[in-house]
Protein backbone atom coordinates (compact mmCIF):
# COMPACT_ATOMS: atom_id res chain seq x y z
CA MET A 1 -0.16 -0.06 -0.19
CA LYS A 2 2.97 2.35 0.44
CA TRP A 3 3.32 2.85 -3.17
CA LYS A 4 -0.21 4.02 -3.68
CA TYR A 5 0.40 6.60 -0.89
CA PHE A 6 3.39 7.86 -2.65
CA ILE A 7 1.36 8.16 -5.76
CA ALA A 8 -1.34 10.02 -4.02
CA LEU A 9 0.96 12.43 -2.64
CA VAL A 10 2.45 13.32 -6.07
CA MET A 11 -0.89 13.41 -7.76
CA ILE A 12 -2.53 15.80 -5.35
CA SER A 13 -0.24 18.88 -5.72
CA THR A 14 -2.51 21.95 -6.03
CA ALA A 15 -5.82 23.59 -5.40
CA MET A 16 -7.52 26.80 -4.91
CA PHE A 17 -10.08 28.20 -2.52
CA SER A 18 -11.44 31.65 -2.47
CA GLN A 19 -11.08 34.48 0.12
CA GLN A 20 -14.66 35.47 -0.61
CA ASP A 21 -16.95 33.04 1.46
CA SER A 22 -20.68 33.21 1.14
CA LYS A 23 -22.41 33.97 4.59
CA GLN A 24 -23.91 30.65 4.62
CA ASP A 25 -20.33 29.02 4.39
CA SER A 26 -18.95 31.18 6.94
CA MET A 27 -21.71 30.30 9.08
CA ARG A 28 -21.00 26.73 8.57
CA VAL A 29 -17.28 26.96 9.35
CA SER A 30 -18.02 28.93 12.43
CA ASN A 31 -20.60 26.36 13.80
CA ARG A 32 -18.27 23.33 12.86
CA LEU A 33 -15.00 24.58 14.39
CA GLY A 34 -15.41 28.01 15.95
CA TYR A 35 -16.18 28.42 19.63
CA ASN A 36 -17.57 31.49 21.58
CA ASN A 37 -14.84 32.78 23.81
CA ALA A 38 -17.35 33.54 26.45
CA SER A 39 -18.48 30.00 26.59
CA LYS A 40 -16.78 26.55 26.47
CA LEU A 41 -19.80 24.83 25.06
CA THR A 42 -21.21 25.71 21.43
CA ILE A 43 -24.56 24.44 20.15
CA GLY A 44 -25.61 24.25 16.54
CA GLY A 45 -27.33 22.27 14.09
CA TYR A 46 -29.31 22.12 10.82
CA ALA A 47 -32.50 20.61 9.53
CA GLN A 48 -34.09 19.62 6.19
CA ILE A 49 -37.84 19.07 5.47
CA ASP A 50 -38.82 17.96 2.02
CA TYR A 51 -41.84 17.48 -0.27
CA ASN A 52 -41.01 15.15 -3.21
CA GLU A 53 -43.80 14.47 -5.84
CA PRO A 54 -42.85 12.04 -8.74
CA ASP A 55 -44.39 13.79 -12.10
CA GLY A 56 -47.72 12.40 -12.71
CA HIS A 57 -47.62 9.94 -9.89
CA ALA A 58 -49.34 11.75 -6.88
CA PRO A 59 -49.40 11.57 -3.92
CA GLY A 60 -45.96 12.85 -2.96
CA ASN A 61 -43.74 12.36 -0.03
CA LEU A 62 -43.53 14.72 2.86
CA ASP A 63 -40.62 13.93 5.22
CA VAL A 64 -38.36 15.62 8.01
CA HIS A 65 -35.44 14.34 6.01
CA ARG A 66 -32.79 15.30 8.41
CA LEU A 67 -32.28 16.76 11.84
CA VAL A 68 -28.71 17.16 12.98
CA LEU A 69 -27.68 18.68 16.50
CA LEU A 70 -24.14 19.73 16.85
CA PHE A 71 -22.55 20.14 20.31
CA GLY A 72 -18.84 21.56 20.63
CA TYR A 73 -16.71 21.77 23.91
CA LYS A 74 -13.48 23.87 24.06
CA PHE A 75 -11.26 22.04 26.98
CA SER A 76 -8.73 24.66 26.56
CA ASP A 77 -6.98 27.02 23.91
CA LYS A 78 -5.59 23.75 22.06
CA VAL A 79 -8.18 20.98 22.91
CA SER A 80 -11.64 20.94 21.64
CA PHE A 81 -14.37 18.32 20.91
CA LEU A 82 -17.13 18.30 18.10
CA THR A 83 -20.04 16.10 17.55
CA GLU A 84 -23.09 15.98 15.49
CA ILE A 85 -25.96 13.59 16.13
CA GLU A 86 -28.20 12.94 13.15
CA LEU A 87 -31.82 11.92 12.95
CA GLU A 88 -33.17 10.69 9.58
CA HIS A 89 -36.89 10.34 8.50
CA VAL A 90 -37.64 10.90 12.36
CA LYS A 91 -36.59 7.25 13.01
CA GLU A 92 -33.08 6.55 12.30
CA VAL A 93 -30.22 7.93 14.60
CA TYR A 94 -26.42 8.27 13.48
CA VAL A 95 -23.43 10.03 14.80
CA GLU A 96 -22.41 12.07 11.80
CA GLN A 97 -19.23 13.40 13.45
CA ALA A 98 -17.20 13.02 16.50
CA PHE A 99 -13.70 14.01 16.81
CA VAL A 100 -11.07 15.67 19.14
CA ASN A 101 -8.84 18.53 17.79
CA TYR A 102 -5.49 19.57 19.20
CA SER A 103 -4.39 22.78 17.69
CA PHE A 104 -0.71 23.42 17.69
CA SER A 105 -1.44 26.54 15.66
CA THR A 106 -3.52 27.80 12.93
CA ALA A 107 -0.97 26.10 10.52
CA PHE A 108 -1.27 22.55 12.14
CA ASN A 109 -4.03 20.80 13.90
CA LEU A 110 -4.18 17.02 14.93
CA ARG A 111 -7.76 15.28 14.70
CA GLY A 112 -8.92 11.95 15.68
CA GLY A 113 -12.35 10.29 15.73
CA LEU A 114 -15.35 10.16 13.36
CA MET A 115 -14.71 12.56 10.59
CA LEU A 116 -16.10 13.76 7.02
CA VAL A 117 -14.08 12.52 4.04
CA PRO A 118 -12.94 15.64 2.08
CA MET A 119 -14.20 14.99 -1.38
CA GLY A 120 -15.81 17.44 -3.44
CA TYR A 121 -18.04 20.28 -2.36
CA VAL A 122 -21.27 18.82 -0.79
CA ASN A 123 -19.76 16.15 1.29
CA GLU A 124 -18.29 18.88 3.39
CA TYR A 125 -20.79 21.47 2.84
CA HIS A 126 -24.05 19.70 3.11
CA GLU A 127 -26.04 21.83 5.19
CA PRO A 128 -29.30 22.54 3.32
CA PRO A 129 -28.88 26.39 3.00
CA VAL A 130 -25.34 26.07 1.59
CA PHE A 131 -26.10 24.10 -1.59
CA TYR A 132 -28.81 24.82 -4.32
CA GLY A 133 -31.81 22.48 -4.82
CA VAL A 134 -33.80 20.76 -2.28
CA GLU A 135 -32.16 17.53 -2.68
CA ARG A 136 -28.34 17.16 -2.98
CA PRO A 137 -26.84 16.54 -6.28
CA GLY A 138 -27.06 13.13 -7.70
CA LEU A 139 -23.21 12.90 -8.21
CA ASP A 140 -22.84 13.52 -4.39
CA LYS A 141 -25.04 10.46 -3.76
CA TYR A 142 -24.07 7.92 -6.15
CA VAL A 143 -20.19 8.50 -6.73
CA VAL A 144 -19.45 10.51 -3.59
CA PRO A 145 -21.67 8.81 -1.00
CA THR A 146 -22.56 11.79 0.86
CA THR A 147 -22.72 12.06 3.82
CA TRP A 148 -19.55 10.04 3.88
CA ARG A 149 -17.57 9.99 7.14
CA GLU A 150 -15.27 7.18 8.61
CA LEU A 151 -13.07 6.85 11.65
CA GLY A 152 -9.44 7.89 11.27
CA ILE A 153 -6.69 10.32 12.24
CA GLY A 154 -5.30 13.26 10.33
CA ALA A 155 -3.73 16.58 10.28
CA THR A 156 -5.20 19.87 9.14
CA GLY A 157 -4.05 23.47 8.68
CA ASN A 158 -4.41 26.87 7.13
CA LEU A 159 -1.04 28.26 5.74
CA SER A 160 -2.35 31.78 5.54
CA ASN A 161 0.90 33.31 3.95
CA LEU A 162 0.43 30.88 0.97
CA SER A 163 -3.51 31.26 1.04
CA LEU A 164 -3.45 27.24 1.31
CA LYS A 165 -5.51 24.86 3.30
CA TYR A 166 -4.80 21.24 3.60
CA GLN A 167 -6.11 18.09 5.05
CA ALA A 168 -4.48 14.75 5.30
CA TYR A 169 -6.16 11.67 7.06
CA ILE A 170 -5.91 7.82 7.35
CA PHE A 171 -9.48 6.27 7.52
CA ASN A 172 -10.68 2.68 8.03
CA GLY A 173 -12.52 2.77 4.46
CA PHE A 174 -15.38 0.98 3.16
CA ILE A 175 -16.66 -2.18 4.08
CA SER A 176 -16.97 -4.55 1.05
CA TYR A 177 -17.75 -8.04 2.66
CA LYS A 178 -19.94 -8.44 5.86
CA ASP A 179 -21.63 -11.55 7.30
CA GLY A 180 -20.78 -13.56 4.16
CA GLU A 181 -22.08 -11.32 1.78
CA GLY A 182 -21.03 -8.44 -0.36
CA THR A 183 -22.22 -5.12 0.19
CA LEU A 184 -20.99 -3.17 -2.84
CA ARG A 185 -23.02 -3.03 -6.26
CA GLY A 186 -23.59 -1.38 -9.48
CA VAL A 187 -26.42 0.98 -8.74
CA ASP A 188 -24.94 3.03 -6.07
CA GLY A 189 -21.21 1.85 -6.29
CA LEU A 190 -19.56 2.54 -2.69
CA ARG A 191 -22.52 3.84 -0.88
CA LYS A 192 -23.60 0.74 0.99
CA GLY A 193 -20.00 0.20 2.10
CA ARG A 194 -20.04 3.27 4.49
CA GLN A 195 -19.41 2.09 7.89
CA LYS A 196 -20.18 5.49 9.71
CA GLY A 197 -18.21 4.61 12.77
CA ALA A 198 -20.60 1.80 13.69
CA GLU A 199 -18.47 -1.24 15.05
CA SER A 200 -16.23 -0.52 12.15
CA VAL A 201 -13.90 -3.13 10.58
CA ILE A 202 -10.25 -2.39 9.54
CA ASN A 203 -7.49 -4.27 8.01
CA ASN A 204 -6.54 -1.86 4.93
CA PRO A 205 -6.06 1.69 6.14
CA ASN A 206 -6.99 4.28 3.29
CA LEU A 207 -5.54 7.63 2.74
CA SER A 208 -7.43 10.88 2.11
CA MET A 209 -6.09 14.36 1.26
CA LYS A 210 -7.23 17.69 0.05
CA LEU A 211 -5.34 21.02 -0.70
CA ASP A 212 -7.29 24.27 -1.17
CA TYR A 213 -5.86 27.61 -2.36
CA TYR A 214 -7.85 30.82 -1.52
CA GLY A 215 -5.51 33.52 -2.96
CA ILE A 216 -7.97 34.56 -5.79
CA LEU A 217 -10.94 36.78 -4.81
CA GLY A 218 -14.10 35.08 -5.63
CA LEU A 219 -12.66 31.69 -6.89
CA LYS A 220 -12.79 28.43 -5.21
CA ILE A 221 -11.10 25.42 -6.75
CA GLY A 222 -10.18 22.03 -4.71
CA VAL A 223 -8.49 19.06 -5.54
CA ALA A 224 -8.65 15.86 -3.43
CA GLY A 225 -7.83 12.14 -3.61
CA TYR A 226 -8.71 9.04 -1.66
CA PHE A 227 -6.67 5.83 -2.01
CA GLY A 228 -6.77 2.26 -0.59
CA GLU A 229 -8.50 -0.84 -0.33
CA THR A 230 -12.02 -2.00 1.06
CA GLN A 231 -12.32 -3.82 4.31
CA SER A 232 -13.68 -7.54 4.89
CA ASP A 233 -14.95 -8.78 8.23
CA ASP A 234 -13.40 -12.28 7.05
CA THR A 235 -9.98 -11.97 5.71
CA SER A 236 -9.85 -15.45 4.93
CA VAL A 237 -12.35 -15.09 1.98
CA GLU A 238 -10.16 -14.36 -0.96
CA ASN A 239 -11.30 -11.56 -3.46
CA SER A 240 -13.84 -9.98 -0.92
CA THR A 241 -12.15 -6.65 -1.10
CA VAL A 242 -11.49 -4.26 -3.89
CA GLY A 243 -8.95 -1.39 -4.37
CA VAL A 244 -10.31 2.15 -4.54
CA SER A 245 -8.58 5.25 -6.20
CA MET A 246 -10.96 8.39 -6.17
CA LEU A 247 -10.02 12.11 -7.39
CA GLY A 248 -12.20 15.02 -6.83
CA PHE A 249 -12.17 18.54 -8.40
CA ASN A 250 -14.55 21.24 -7.50
CA VAL A 251 -14.50 24.77 -8.34
CA SER A 252 -16.95 27.87 -7.74
CA TYR A 253 -16.85 31.53 -8.81
CA LEU A 254 -18.93 34.28 -7.10
CA TYR A 255 -19.22 37.76 -8.90
CA ARG A 256 -21.45 40.19 -7.28
CA ASP A 257 -24.95 38.28 -7.44
CA LEU A 258 -23.65 35.46 -9.85
CA THR A 259 -22.61 32.22 -8.48
CA LEU A 260 -21.15 29.50 -10.77
CA ARG A 261 -20.20 25.94 -9.62
CA GLY A 262 -18.63 22.88 -11.05
CA GLN A 263 -17.52 19.51 -9.95
CA TYR A 264 -16.01 16.44 -11.27
CA ILE A 265 -15.17 13.11 -9.80
CA TYR A 266 -13.47 9.88 -11.19
CA THR A 267 -13.31 6.81 -9.37
CA SER A 268 -11.23 3.56 -10.14
CA LEU A 269 -11.95 0.13 -8.60
CA SER A 270 -9.69 -2.62 -9.01
CA GLY A 271 -10.31 -6.47 -8.41
CA THR A 272 -14.02 -5.97 -9.21
CA GLU A 273 -14.25 -9.09 -11.67
CA ALA A 274 -13.18 -11.51 -8.85
CA TYR A 275 -15.24 -9.60 -6.20
CA ASN A 276 -18.41 -9.87 -8.50
CA ASP A 277 -17.74 -13.49 -8.87
CA LEU A 278 -17.57 -14.14 -5.41
CA THR A 279 -20.61 -12.20 -4.32
CA GLY A 280 -22.76 -12.39 -7.43
CA LYS A 281 -23.10 -8.36 -7.36
CA ASP A 282 -22.49 -6.01 -10.40
CA LEU A 283 -20.00 -3.30 -9.02
CA GLY A 284 -18.48 -1.47 -11.85
CA SER A 285 -14.81 -1.13 -12.18
CA LYS A 286 -15.06 2.88 -12.81
CA MET A 287 -17.38 5.53 -11.82
CA ASP A 288 -17.37 9.07 -12.80
CA GLY A 289 -19.48 12.17 -13.25
CA TYR A 290 -19.66 16.17 -13.41
CA TYR A 291 -22.08 18.77 -12.94
CA LEU A 292 -22.35 22.42 -13.81
CA GLU A 293 -24.61 24.80 -11.87
CA ALA A 294 -25.31 28.63 -12.08
CA ALA A 295 -27.42 30.77 -9.72
CA TYR A 296 -28.40 34.45 -9.71
CA ASN A 297 -29.51 36.56 -6.81
CA PHE A 298 -32.35 38.85 -7.94
CA MET A 299 -33.10 40.29 -4.53
CA PRO A 300 -31.02 43.44 -5.15
CA LEU A 301 -33.25 44.19 -8.09
CA ILE A 302 -36.23 43.95 -5.80
CA SER A 303 -34.87 45.70 -2.68
CA LYS A 304 -31.41 46.87 -2.57
CA LYS A 305 -31.32 47.11 1.14
CA SER A 306 -32.83 43.74 1.91
CA SER A 307 -30.69 41.15 3.94
CA LYS A 308 -32.69 38.49 2.18
CA THR A 309 -31.47 36.54 -1.07
CA LEU A 310 -33.82 35.27 -3.77
CA SER A 311 -31.86 33.13 -6.10
CA VAL A 312 -32.78 31.30 -9.40
CA PHE A 313 -30.50 28.34 -10.39
CA SER A 314 -30.11 25.64 -12.84
CA ARG A 315 -27.79 22.57 -12.50
CA TYR A 316 -26.97 20.03 -15.22
CA GLU A 317 -25.19 16.74 -14.08
CA MET A 318 -24.02 13.46 -15.52
CA TYR A 319 -22.93 10.57 -13.40
CA ASN A 320 -22.43 6.93 -14.19
CA THR A 321 -21.77 4.03 -11.74
CA HIS A 322 -21.05 1.68 -14.56
CA ALA A 323 -18.55 3.86 -16.51
CA ALA A 324 -16.63 0.75 -17.21
CA THR A 325 -16.90 -3.03 -15.95
CA ALA A 326 -14.46 -5.69 -15.81
CA GLY A 327 -14.87 -9.37 -17.17
CA ASP A 328 -18.04 -10.45 -18.56
CA LEU A 329 -20.22 -7.98 -16.94
CA GLU A 330 -22.19 -5.99 -19.35
CA LEU A 331 -22.71 -2.33 -18.96
CA ASN A 332 -25.92 -1.42 -17.25
CA GLN A 333 -27.24 1.76 -19.24
CA ALA A 334 -29.71 2.54 -16.41
CA TYR A 335 -26.70 3.58 -14.20
CA ASP A 336 -25.58 6.19 -16.85
CA ARG A 337 -27.79 9.12 -15.64
CA SER A 338 -28.38 12.64 -16.39
CA ASP A 339 -30.12 15.23 -14.33
CA ILE A 340 -31.20 18.91 -15.00
CA THR A 341 -32.55 20.77 -11.83
CA PHE A 342 -34.28 24.13 -12.25
CA GLY A 343 -35.64 26.19 -9.38
CA PHE A 344 -35.38 29.03 -6.74
CA ASP A 345 -33.66 29.49 -3.09
CA PHE A 346 -35.25 32.21 -0.94
CA LYS A 347 -33.14 32.83 1.96
CA ILE A 348 -35.64 34.56 4.35
CA ALA A 349 -32.89 35.04 6.98
CA PRO A 350 -29.11 34.08 7.11
CA GLY A 351 -29.28 30.34 7.67
CA VAL A 352 -32.97 29.67 6.63
CA ALA A 353 -34.01 28.72 3.04
CA VAL A 354 -37.15 27.97 1.38
CA LYS A 355 -36.57 25.96 -1.80
CA ALA A 356 -38.49 24.69 -4.82
CA ASP A 357 -37.38 23.01 -7.88
CA TYR A 358 -38.27 20.77 -10.81
CA GLN A 359 -36.02 17.80 -11.94
CA TRP A 360 -35.71 16.29 -15.57
CA LEU A 361 -34.31 12.75 -14.67
CA THR A 362 -33.11 10.46 -17.56
CA ASN A 363 -30.63 7.64 -18.12
CA ALA A 364 -29.10 6.11 -21.24
CA LYS A 365 -31.37 2.98 -21.20
CA GLU A 366 -33.88 2.74 -23.92
CA GLY A 367 -37.41 2.99 -22.64
CA SER A 368 -36.25 4.19 -19.11
CA ASP A 369 -39.20 5.03 -16.76
CA ARG A 370 -37.22 7.41 -14.52
CA ASN A 371 -39.91 9.70 -13.26
CA ASN A 372 -39.11 13.54 -13.17
CA LEU A 373 -39.61 15.09 -9.81
CA PHE A 374 -40.98 18.37 -8.21
CA ASN A 375 -39.41 19.08 -4.92
CA ALA A 376 -39.92 21.82 -2.22
CA GLY A 377 -38.61 22.24 1.32
CA ILE A 378 -37.28 24.08 4.22
CA GLY A 379 -33.53 24.02 4.93
CA LEU A 380 -32.02 25.68 8.06
CA MET A 381 -28.75 25.87 9.92
CA PHE A 382 -27.52 27.69 13.08
């Protein structure tokens, strides 16, 4: 595995991140890592309430999709703890994050615990008021399995003189074989392999890294990499693991009331032919995807002094969890998907967004019956 880590270090050599964060991003970073000097305890959270109606197939679905409570505690100037407790669909309880941070300086911090894997934009910034659309992009569900978090240790820092941020972690990684069955499949790639810190298995450590450069006003560009091998709860079973190499690139540009965003993710999986033969699954050997998004805030045209924002946005994305297959496994064209999303995002206060959008959902399979969706919802963070 050491040679893979060396290649990872060479490949991830540069990135950019802007100095001009949106109010929502700044709020999110403050909640995650900032503490009130007057109090050792920080309380925050976010929530997402959705309505989803398949086109022509009423009734729709109304759901408290997520409710996440954040608690942070500052033991000293150097040692702090942060955790997030997530409730999904009012019945499922998860720990989304739980880690200790030791700050030597702004430029160097050590962390250990359950942490987010830095890949793409939405996995790190997934609070509803931060991203456009009622639902998270399909790319950030099927290729990057948001919310993707695992147990590990690592270092982070902000080199302000270079306008450079960095993250580097060793994680336990996905589980591909558990209780005598394979967990990974073609339709959603690595998603079912997330261990989420719940009695996690580790026999192959994985490397995750991201570099950000924020020296160009209004422009954000990030490059990330994830390299390693999946886990198995029975190491005596040959071919029960696969190799994982993932590269991510995300960019956004903010100019006055115009926001542009883009993202590309590429994943290569090795050993899938033998894995599929063992488990009977249809895991692809390559996954990739991208999206392009534009949003414009019209509120200054309505009221220049208003603190609210009213953004109209559109996003086009393509993602394929069967970009390639190994052996005799045929490509499943239904896994080659395209989504067009158009809607609005009305922030009635910083951290509170009312959203609605319509999605045209298609795939490459002839005669596909993928339903278009109308979505509406409320998202908040504090």
